[in-house]
C-alpha atoms as a PDB file:
ATOM      1  CA  MET A   1       0.000   0.000   0.000  1.00  0.00           C
ATOM      2  CA  MET A   2       1.191   3.475  -0.783  1.00  0.00           C
ATOM      3  CA  TYR A   3      -0.009   5.848   1.891  1.00  0.00           C
ATOM      4  CA  GLN A   4       1.367   8.372   4.286  1.00  0.00           C
ATOM      5  CA  GLU A   5       0.148   8.748   7.847  1.00  0.00           C
ATOM      6  CA  ARG A   6       1.276  11.657   9.969  1.00  0.00           C
ATOM      7  CA  GLN A   7       3.219  11.199  13.159  1.00  0.00           C
ATOM      8  CA  GLY A   8       2.342  13.773  15.823  1.00  0.00           C
ATOM      9  CA  ARG A   9       0.280  16.887  15.227  1.00  0.00           C
ATOM     10  CA  GLY A  10       0.682  18.388  11.773  1.00  0.00           C
ATOM     11  CA  GLU A  11       0.289  21.938  10.531  1.00  0.00           C
ATOM     12  CA  ILE A  12      -3.057  23.612   9.928  1.00  0.00           C
ATOM     13  CA  GLU A  13      -3.582  24.203   6.224  1.00  0.00           C
ATOM     14  CA  SER A  14      -6.365  24.903   3.756  1.00  0.00           C
ATOM     15  CA  VAL A  15      -8.346  21.963   2.438  1.00  0.00           C
ATOM     16  CA  SER A  16      -7.739  23.236  -1.102  1.00  0.00           C
ATOM     17  CA  GLY A  17      -3.980  23.124  -0.417  1.00  0.00           C
ATOM     18  CA  MET A  18      -4.176  19.509   0.759  1.00  0.00           C
ATOM     19  CA  MET A  19      -6.239  18.583  -2.284  1.00  0.00           C
ATOM     20  CA  GLY A  20      -3.738  20.239  -4.609  1.00  0.00           C
ATOM     21  CA  ARG A  21      -0.757  18.417  -3.071  1.00  0.00           C
ATOM     22  CA  TYR A  22      -2.287  14.939  -3.351  1.00  0.00           C
ATOM     23  CA  PRO A  23      -4.078  14.687  -6.700  1.00  0.00           C
ATOM     24  CA  ASP A  24      -6.275  11.633  -7.304  1.00  0.00           C
ATOM     25  CA  GLN A  25      -5.924  10.447  -3.710  1.00  0.00           C
ATOM     26  CA  TRP A  26      -8.070  10.125  -0.626  1.00  0.00           C
ATOM     27  CA  ILE A  27      -7.204  12.554   2.159  1.00  0.00           C
ATOM     28  CA  PHE A  28      -8.196  12.115   5.789  1.00  0.00           C
ATOM     29  CA  PHE A  29      -7.892  15.202   7.953  1.00  0.00           C
ATOM     30  CA  GLU A  30      -8.960  16.743  11.214  1.00  0.00           C
ATOM     31  CA  VAL A  31     -11.347  19.636  10.563  1.00  0.00           C
ATOM     32  CA  VAL A  32     -10.316  22.788  12.435  1.00  0.00           C
ATOM     33  CA  GLU A  33     -12.308  25.453  10.571  1.00  0.00           C
ATOM     34  CA  ARG A  34     -15.422  25.668   8.418  1.00  0.00           C
ATOM     35  CA  ASP A  35     -16.490  28.361   5.953  1.00  0.00           C
ATOM     36  CA  GLU A  36     -19.768  30.297   6.032  1.00  0.00           C
ATOM     37  CA  SER A  37     -21.517  27.344   4.335  1.00  0.00           C
ATOM     38  CA  GLU A  38     -20.213  24.966   7.043  1.00  0.00           C
ATOM     39  CA  TYR A  39     -17.894  23.253   4.515  1.00  0.00           C
ATOM     40  CA  PRO A  40     -14.475  22.234   5.950  1.00  0.00           C
ATOM     41  CA  SER A  41     -12.009  24.953   4.935  1.00  0.00           C
ATOM     42  CA  LYS A  42      -8.943  24.244   7.094  1.00  0.00           C
ATOM     43  CA  GLY A  43      -7.585  21.129   8.675  1.00  0.00           C
ATOM     44  CA  ILE A  44      -4.655  19.039   9.790  1.00  0.00           C
ATOM     45  CA  LEU A  45      -3.757  16.231   7.400  1.00  0.00           C
ATOM     46  CA  ILE A  46      -3.746  12.836   9.072  1.00  0.00           C
ATOM     47  CA  ALA A  47      -3.209  10.548   6.059  1.00  0.00           C
ATOM     48  CA  HIS A  48      -3.438  10.369   2.274  1.00  0.00           C
ATOM     49  CA  SER A  49      -3.555   7.420  -0.104  1.00  0.00           C
ATOM     50  CA  PRO A  50      -4.894   6.389  -3.491  1.00  0.00           C
ATOM     51  CA  ASP A  51      -6.480   3.427  -1.638  1.00  0.00           C
ATOM     52  CA  ARG A  52      -9.841   4.343  -0.072  1.00  0.00           C
ATOM     53  CA  ASP A  53      -9.910   1.195   2.065  1.00  0.00           C
ATOM     54  CA  GLU A  54      -6.562   2.095   3.630  1.00  0.00           C
ATOM     55  CA  ILE A  55      -7.826   5.563   4.544  1.00  0.00           C
ATOM     56  CA  HIS A  56     -10.923   4.043   6.130  1.00  0.00           C
ATOM     57  CA  ARG A  57      -8.785   1.647   8.196  1.00  0.00           C
ATOM     58  CA  ILE A  58      -6.751   4.597   9.463  1.00  0.00           C
ATOM     59  CA  ALA A  59      -9.895   6.621  10.195  1.00  0.00           C
ATOM     60  CA  ILE A  60     -11.406   3.824  12.280  1.00  0.00           C
ATOM     61  CA  ARG A  61      -8.441   3.769  14.651  1.00  0.00           C
ATOM     62  CA  THR A  62      -7.875   7.542  14.818  1.00  0.00           C
ATOM     63  CA  GLN A  63      -9.495   9.647  17.528  1.00  0.00           C
ATOM     64  CA  VAL A  64     -10.022  13.306  16.609  1.00  0.00           C
ATOM     65  CA  PRO A  65     -12.834  15.702  17.567  1.00  0.00           C
ATOM     66  CA  GLU A  66     -14.017  16.142  13.958  1.00  0.00           C
ATOM     67  CA  ALA A  67     -12.628  14.583  10.794  1.00  0.00           C
ATOM     68  CA  ALA A  68     -13.367  14.381   7.083  1.00  0.00           C
ATOM     69  CA  ILE A  69     -12.392  12.168   4.157  1.00  0.00           C
ATOM     70  CA  PHE A  70     -12.304  13.665   0.657  1.00  0.00           C
ATOM     71  CA  PHE A  71     -11.303  12.301  -2.744  1.00  0.00           C
ATOM     72  CA  THR A  72      -9.138  14.843  -4.567  1.00  0.00           C
ATOM     73  CA  GLY A  73      -9.716  13.621  -8.118  1.00  0.00           C
ATOM     74  CA  GLU A  74     -12.588  13.760 -10.513  1.00  0.00           C
ATOM     75  CA  PRO A  75     -15.671  12.022  -9.074  1.00  0.00           C
ATOM     76  CA  VAL A  76     -16.377  10.376 -12.426  1.00  0.00           C
ATOM     77  CA  PRO A  77     -13.355   9.461 -14.582  1.00  0.00           C
ATOM     78  CA  GLU A  78     -13.237  10.976 -18.051  1.00  0.00           C
ATOM     79  CA  GLY A  79     -14.970   8.740 -20.582  1.00  0.00           C
ATOM     80  CA  ALA A  80     -17.089   6.967 -17.943  1.00  0.00           C
ATOM     81  CA  ILE A  81     -20.841   6.768 -18.347  1.00  0.00           C
ATOM     82  CA  VAL A  82     -23.084   7.339 -15.335  1.00  0.00           C
ATOM     83  CA  LEU A  83     -26.551   5.826 -15.203  1.00  0.00           C
ATOM     84  CA  LEU A  84     -29.019   7.287 -12.733  1.00  0.00           C
END
């Protein structure tokens, strides 16, 4: 598995910055600030990985007051067909 999990408390950074640094990966972070729409805007990165299952395993064993998991890539790959 290719993933990175932080050791100790990381730096607070914007969610957009985290998403830009880890394209097409899952990021798991502690939420420390929300914008006026209540969307997470700043956080502390806990882990990132292209493997969603790995991020979920890390999330299950991590205790933080509030956390979020985002995928940083396109929700539907180019050329894919979505049926609703």
